[in-house]
Amino acid sequence: MKKKQPSPEDILKEIEWSKWLEILIPTLSPLLIAIAWVTLSKFDKKVQTLNSLIAIAEVVPSVDIGLPKGVVLGALYDKGDEAIATMVTIMETIEEIPGAITVELEKLKLLLMEQGTEGYDIDPEDYGWPPDTEPEPPDSVVKQCIDQAVKDLGIAYYFPGLAPAWVLSCLLRKGYTVSKSFVKRKLAESLI
């Protein structure tokens, strides 16, 4: 005896729509807020001015104005060019950036500032972005970061994943971009 194939109506009746809405609403709400915000900014000059302030404030890493993601997304969509110009200005005024990072920031600046007739239609690989390989940090720098992790973390050093994250952030602060596998390898070597 053949089983009866369920009809599309039966399938739709069995779907728990409340579960789907629990997933879709948090996912789509920032996008809907951004669309509403951009639409509002087209009609109100005060909102356009506010967009400029939001876009500039969001570029500065130490500033968090606590606005909903959708509002920030809409403001950056509306005033993205101002945000890019602010980021470039910040990059130019920051002092004491390690040399390897400065070179990569200059390449990124070229990418951001070049605009074609149809918008930003450039090939990042023409400028060597993203970088192929970064120079590995000297062993003495890696050892300093590992020793600092042991000192600062104490027993937490041996918790899974904590030591690699700590050492990776230490190396990033010192201007070295390395992979997590590099850090894990160096940690394994230090235990031997």
Protein backbone atom coordinates (compact mmCIF):
# COMPACT_ATOMS: atom_id res chain seq x y z
CA MET A 1 0.00 0.00 0.00
CA LYS A 2 1.36 3.39 -1.00
CA LYS A 3 1.72 6.18 1.46
CA LYS A 4 -0.25 9.24 0.63
CA GLN A 5 1.94 12.18 -0.45
CA PRO A 6 1.28 15.24 1.69
CA SER A 7 -0.20 18.15 -0.14
CA PRO A 8 1.39 21.61 -0.03
CA GLU A 9 -1.46 22.76 2.21
CA ASP A 10 -0.67 19.99 4.70
CA ILE A 11 3.00 20.94 4.69
CA LEU A 12 2.16 24.60 5.32
CA LYS A 13 -0.11 23.64 8.21
CA GLU A 14 2.73 21.75 9.88
CA ILE A 15 5.22 24.63 9.73
CA GLU A 16 5.67 26.36 13.04
CA TRP A 17 5.56 29.96 11.86
CA SER A 18 6.28 31.34 15.32
CA LYS A 19 9.71 29.66 15.24
CA TRP A 20 10.46 31.20 11.85
CA LEU A 21 9.41 34.62 13.06
CA GLU A 22 11.67 34.29 16.11
CA ILE A 23 14.57 33.90 13.68
CA LEU A 24 13.52 36.39 11.00
CA ILE A 25 12.50 39.35 13.16
CA PRO A 26 15.88 39.85 14.90
CA THR A 27 17.66 39.25 11.60
CA LEU A 28 15.63 41.65 9.49
CA SER A 29 14.84 44.36 12.04
CA PRO A 30 18.17 46.26 11.63
CA LEU A 31 17.67 46.26 7.86
CA LEU A 32 14.09 47.53 8.17
CA ILE A 33 15.17 50.23 10.63
CA ALA A 34 17.98 51.26 8.23
CA ILE A 35 15.55 51.55 5.31
CA ALA A 36 13.18 53.65 7.42
CA TRP A 37 16.07 55.81 8.64
CA VAL A 38 17.42 56.47 5.14
CA THR A 39 13.91 57.31 3.93
CA LEU A 40 13.44 59.71 6.84
CA SER A 41 16.80 61.33 6.14
CA LYS A 42 15.73 62.08 2.56
CA PHE A 43 12.91 64.27 3.86
CA ASP A 44 14.36 65.88 6.99
CA LYS A 45 17.51 68.03 7.00
CA LYS A 46 17.93 67.59 10.76
CA VAL A 47 18.22 63.82 10.32
CA GLN A 48 20.82 64.36 7.58
CA THR A 49 22.87 66.45 9.99
CA LEU A 50 22.48 63.78 12.64
CA ASN A 51 23.62 61.17 10.10
CA SER A 52 26.86 63.10 9.64
CA LEU A 53 27.52 63.04 13.38
CA ILE A 54 26.65 59.34 13.66
CA ALA A 55 28.83 58.38 10.71
CA ILE A 56 31.81 60.33 12.04
CA ALA A 57 31.37 59.02 15.59
CA GLU A 58 31.14 55.38 14.49
CA VAL A 59 34.47 55.56 12.66
CA VAL A 60 36.35 56.42 15.88
CA PRO A 61 36.99 53.09 17.64
CA SER A 62 36.84 54.47 21.18
CA VAL A 63 33.41 56.06 20.72
CA ASP A 64 30.26 54.00 21.16
CA ILE A 65 27.11 56.07 21.05
CA GLY A 66 24.84 53.10 21.72
CA LEU A 67 22.41 53.57 18.84
CA PRO A 68 20.52 50.63 17.30
CA LYS A 69 22.39 48.84 14.52
CA GLY A 70 19.76 49.81 11.95
CA VAL A 71 20.13 53.53 12.67
CA VAL A 72 23.92 53.31 12.37
CA LEU A 73 23.63 51.29 9.17
CA GLY A 74 21.23 53.85 7.69
CA ALA A 75 23.44 56.76 8.74
CA LEU A 76 26.53 55.15 7.24
CA TYR A 77 24.64 54.42 4.04
CA ASP A 78 23.56 58.04 3.83
CA LYS A 79 26.90 59.60 4.85
CA GLY A 80 29.43 56.87 4.04
CA ASP A 81 31.74 59.19 2.10
CA GLU A 82 32.09 61.45 5.13
CA ALA A 83 32.87 58.42 7.29
CA ILE A 84 35.59 57.31 4.85
CA ALA A 85 37.09 60.80 4.79
CA THR A 86 37.10 60.84 8.60
CA MET A 87 38.74 57.42 8.74
CA VAL A 88 41.46 58.57 6.35
CA THR A 89 42.06 61.69 8.48
CA ILE A 90 42.30 59.55 11.63
CA MET A 91 44.74 57.20 9.91
CA GLU A 92 46.90 60.17 8.92
CA THR A 93 46.95 61.68 12.43
CA ILE A 94 47.65 58.53 14.46
CA GLU A 95 51.26 58.40 15.55
CA GLU A 96 53.53 55.49 16.34
CA ILE A 97 52.01 52.97 13.94
CA PRO A 98 54.42 50.12 13.19
CA GLY A 99 55.91 50.23 9.69
CA ALA A 100 54.23 47.06 8.36
CA ILE A 101 50.81 48.32 9.41
CA THR A 102 51.47 51.78 7.91
CA VAL A 103 52.20 50.22 4.52
CA GLU A 104 48.97 48.21 4.61
CA LEU A 105 46.97 51.25 5.77
CA GLU A 106 48.31 53.24 2.83
CA LYS A 107 47.20 50.49 0.44
CA LEU A 108 43.77 50.46 2.08
CA LYS A 109 43.61 54.25 1.83
CA LEU A 110 44.29 54.05 -1.92
CA LEU A 111 41.51 51.49 -2.24
CA LEU A 112 39.04 53.64 -0.34
CA MET A 113 39.82 56.87 -2.13
CA GLU A 114 39.82 55.62 -5.74
CA GLN A 115 36.39 55.97 -7.25
CA GLY A 116 35.43 55.00 -10.77
CA THR A 117 32.60 56.40 -12.85
CA GLU A 118 30.24 53.70 -11.61
CA GLY A 119 31.29 54.02 -7.96
CA TYR A 120 34.04 52.10 -6.24
CA ASP A 121 34.86 49.60 -8.96
CA ILE A 122 38.48 48.67 -8.37
CA ASP A 123 40.37 45.44 -7.96
CA PRO A 124 42.01 45.31 -4.51
CA GLU A 125 44.60 42.83 -5.78
CA ASP A 126 46.05 45.57 -8.03
CA TYR A 127 47.21 47.25 -4.84
CA GLY A 128 48.43 44.10 -3.12
CA TRP A 129 45.45 43.91 -0.79
CA PRO A 130 44.95 41.83 1.24
CA PRO A 131 48.59 41.26 2.11
CA ASP A 132 49.93 37.87 1.11
CA THR A 133 52.14 37.23 4.08
CA GLU A 134 53.14 39.19 7.10
CA PRO A 135 56.64 38.99 8.53
CA GLU A 136 56.72 36.72 11.55
CA PRO A 137 57.50 38.41 14.83
CA PRO A 138 60.87 37.66 16.41
CA ASP A 139 60.91 34.82 18.92
CA SER A 140 61.81 37.27 21.69
CA VAL A 141 58.58 39.22 21.09
CA VAL A 142 56.53 36.02 21.06
CA LYS A 143 58.22 34.89 24.28
CA GLN A 144 57.43 38.25 25.93
CA CYS A 145 53.75 37.83 25.03
CA ILE A 146 53.66 34.23 26.29
CA ASP A 147 55.40 35.19 29.54
CA GLN A 148 52.97 38.07 30.01
CA ALA A 149 50.04 35.71 29.44
CA VAL A 150 51.36 33.29 32.06
CA LYS A 151 51.85 36.15 34.52
CA ASP A 152 48.51 37.89 33.93
CA LEU A 153 46.26 34.86 33.47
CA GLY A 154 47.63 32.66 36.23
CA ILE A 155 45.77 29.33 36.31
CA ALA A 156 43.40 30.60 33.58
CA TYR A 157 46.35 30.29 31.18
CA TYR A 158 45.58 26.58 30.94
CA PHE A 159 41.88 27.04 30.07
CA PRO A 160 41.21 25.97 26.45
CA GLY A 161 41.52 28.83 23.99
CA LEU A 162 42.40 31.53 26.50
CA ALA A 163 46.19 31.53 26.11
CA PRO A 164 46.13 31.66 22.27
CA ALA A 165 43.65 34.54 22.34
CA TRP A 166 45.75 36.41 24.90
CA VAL A 167 49.02 35.95 23.01
CA LEU A 168 47.34 36.81 19.68
CA SER A 169 45.98 40.08 21.08
CA CYS A 170 49.40 40.88 22.56
CA LEU A 171 51.07 40.39 19.18
CA LEU A 172 48.40 42.50 17.47
CA ARG A 173 49.00 45.33 19.95
CA LYS A 174 52.71 45.15 19.12
CA GLY A 175 51.93 45.45 15.41
CA TYR A 176 52.23 41.86 14.22
CA THR A 177 49.45 40.19 12.26
CA VAL A 178 49.70 36.44 12.75
CA SER A 179 47.35 33.51 12.47
CA LYS A 180 45.88 31.58 15.35
CA SER A 181 47.70 28.45 14.13
CA PHE A 182 51.04 30.34 14.38
CA VAL A 183 50.26 31.26 17.99
CA LYS A 184 49.21 27.70 18.86
CA ARG A 185 52.43 26.37 17.33
CA LYS A 186 54.54 28.82 19.35
CA LEU A 187 52.65 27.94 22.53
CA ALA A 188 53.26 24.24 21.89
CA GLU A 189 56.96 24.95 21.32
CA SER A 190 57.17 26.89 24.59
CA LEU A 191 55.77 23.92 26.54
CA ILE A 192 58.43 21.55 25.22
